[in-house]
Protein backbone atom coordinates (compact mmCIF):
# COMPACT_ATOMS: atom_id res chain seq x y z
CA MET A 1 144.44 -53.37 -3.36
CA TYR A 2 142.03 -56.02 -4.48
CA SER A 3 141.67 -58.75 -7.09
CA ILE A 4 139.53 -59.00 -10.18
CA PHE A 5 138.85 -62.17 -12.13
CA GLN A 6 139.24 -61.74 -15.87
CA PRO A 7 137.37 -64.41 -17.82
CA ILE A 8 139.28 -66.62 -20.23
CA ILE A 9 136.94 -67.38 -23.10
CA ASN A 10 136.87 -70.59 -25.13
CA VAL A 11 135.67 -70.04 -28.72
CA ASN A 12 134.70 -73.14 -30.70
CA LYS A 13 134.69 -73.63 -34.50
CA SER A 14 131.14 -72.25 -34.70
CA LEU A 15 132.31 -69.12 -32.85
CA ASN A 16 130.23 -70.00 -29.81
CA THR A 17 131.81 -68.70 -26.64
CA LYS A 18 131.99 -70.09 -23.14
CA ILE A 19 133.92 -68.95 -20.09
CA ASP A 20 136.61 -71.57 -19.64
CA SER A 21 138.40 -70.18 -16.57
CA TYR A 22 139.54 -66.93 -14.96
CA GLU A 23 142.81 -65.10 -14.37
CA MET A 24 143.18 -63.38 -11.00
CA LEU A 25 144.62 -59.89 -11.41
CA ILE A 26 145.60 -57.41 -8.67
CA ARG A 27 144.24 -53.85 -8.95
CA ASN A 28 144.82 -50.64 -7.01
CA GLU A 29 142.17 -48.22 -5.76
CA GLU A 30 141.85 -46.69 -9.25
CA GLY A 31 141.23 -50.10 -10.81
CA HIS A 32 144.66 -50.32 -12.49
CA PHE A 33 147.63 -52.63 -12.10
CA PRO A 34 149.53 -51.23 -9.09
CA GLY A 35 152.76 -50.84 -11.09
CA ILE A 36 156.47 -51.14 -10.49
CA GLY A 37 156.23 -50.35 -6.78
CA PHE A 38 153.98 -53.36 -6.32
CA ILE A 39 156.38 -55.65 -8.18
CA LYS A 40 159.31 -54.36 -6.13
CA GLY A 41 157.27 -54.96 -2.98
CA LEU A 42 156.80 -58.61 -3.91
CA ALA A 43 160.55 -59.04 -3.52
CA THR A 44 160.18 -58.27 0.21
CA ALA A 45 158.79 -60.61 2.86
CA ASP A 46 156.14 -58.06 3.90
CA GLY A 47 155.05 -57.29 0.33
CA ASN A 48 154.81 -60.98 -0.45
CA LYS A 49 152.71 -61.60 2.69
CA GLN A 50 150.39 -58.76 1.67
CA TRP A 51 149.93 -60.36 -1.76
CA ILE A 52 149.23 -63.74 -0.14
CA ALA A 53 146.60 -62.21 2.17
CA ILE A 54 144.81 -60.51 -0.74
CA SER A 55 145.03 -63.67 -2.83
CA GLU A 56 143.70 -65.94 -0.07
CA GLN A 57 140.67 -63.73 0.51
CA SER A 58 139.97 -63.31 -3.20
CA LEU A 59 140.26 -67.02 -3.98
CA GLN A 60 137.98 -67.92 -1.09
CA SER A 61 135.34 -65.52 -2.44
CA ALA A 62 135.73 -66.72 -6.03
CA LEU A 63 136.03 -70.46 -5.43
CA GLY A 64 134.46 -71.18 -2.06
CA ALA A 65 130.98 -71.91 -3.41
CA HIS A 66 132.00 -72.67 -7.01
CA GLN A 67 133.73 -76.04 -7.17
CA ASN A 68 133.71 -76.17 -10.99
CA ARG A 69 135.50 -72.86 -11.46
CA LYS A 70 139.19 -72.69 -12.41
CA VAL A 71 141.44 -69.71 -11.66
CA TYR A 72 144.96 -68.92 -12.85
CA ILE A 73 147.15 -66.85 -10.53
CA ASN A 74 150.40 -65.07 -11.39
CA ILE A 75 153.56 -65.27 -9.30
CA GLU A 76 156.72 -63.27 -9.82
CA PRO A 77 160.00 -65.22 -9.86
CA CYS A 78 161.25 -63.20 -6.85
CA GLN A 79 158.40 -64.59 -4.72
CA MET A 80 159.80 -68.09 -4.99
CA GLN A 81 162.53 -67.19 -2.48
CA PHE A 82 160.02 -67.00 0.39
CA ASN A 83 158.89 -69.98 2.43
CA SER A 84 155.51 -68.21 2.79
CA THR A 85 154.98 -68.53 -0.97
CA TRP A 86 155.62 -72.28 -0.88
CA GLN A 87 153.31 -72.66 2.11
CA PHE A 88 150.62 -70.70 0.24
CA LEU A 89 150.99 -72.94 -2.82
CA LYS A 90 150.69 -76.07 -0.66
CA GLN A 91 147.59 -74.63 0.97
CA LEU A 92 146.06 -73.89 -2.44
CA ARG A 93 146.66 -77.46 -3.56
CA THR A 94 145.11 -78.87 -0.40
CA THR A 95 142.11 -76.55 -0.38
CA TYR A 96 141.28 -76.17 -4.08
CA LYS A 97 142.91 -79.22 -5.71
CA ASN A 98 142.97 -78.53 -9.47
CA GLN A 99 140.86 -75.37 -9.34
CA VAL A 100 143.94 -73.14 -9.13
CA ALA A 101 146.79 -73.09 -11.62
CA VAL A 102 149.95 -71.04 -11.14
CA GLU A 103 151.72 -69.03 -13.81
CA ILE A 104 155.23 -67.81 -13.05
CA ASN A 105 155.61 -64.49 -14.83
CA GLU A 106 158.40 -64.05 -17.33
CA ARG A 107 160.64 -61.36 -15.92
CA HIS A 108 164.31 -60.93 -16.63
CA GLU A 109 165.36 -60.20 -13.06
CA HIS A 110 167.09 -62.58 -10.74
CA VAL A 111 165.63 -63.53 -7.38
CA HIS A 112 167.75 -60.96 -5.54
CA SER A 113 167.95 -58.28 -8.20
CA ILE A 114 165.19 -56.21 -9.70
CA ASN A 115 167.38 -53.26 -10.65
CA TYR A 116 166.13 -53.28 -14.24
CA LEU A 117 162.83 -51.93 -12.93
CA ASP A 118 164.56 -48.72 -11.84
CA GLN A 119 165.38 -47.76 -15.41
């Protein structure tokens, strides 16, 4: 798996466009979202650590030499149960300041239950 950075475009009243920021998205070997198995994996300590490793490497590549760039990352609610997620977020704040914003995805599962994904 790897990350892509989808541009978020700002369009002004004159319809001029400018890249405002980017959203980091995870992709599989075929270039698609990895799917339900990936989301289920995020509810495990190992799956969450894998996501953190991919995210750390991707953010370093995208932001390391670009201090004016802003990136939004997505976190699943189930990831909030892991101390490693909180440590990662603290590290992001220390390293990148306001360059990284976090979006917690809107899922209907509870932290310990993702059974609705099996349907």
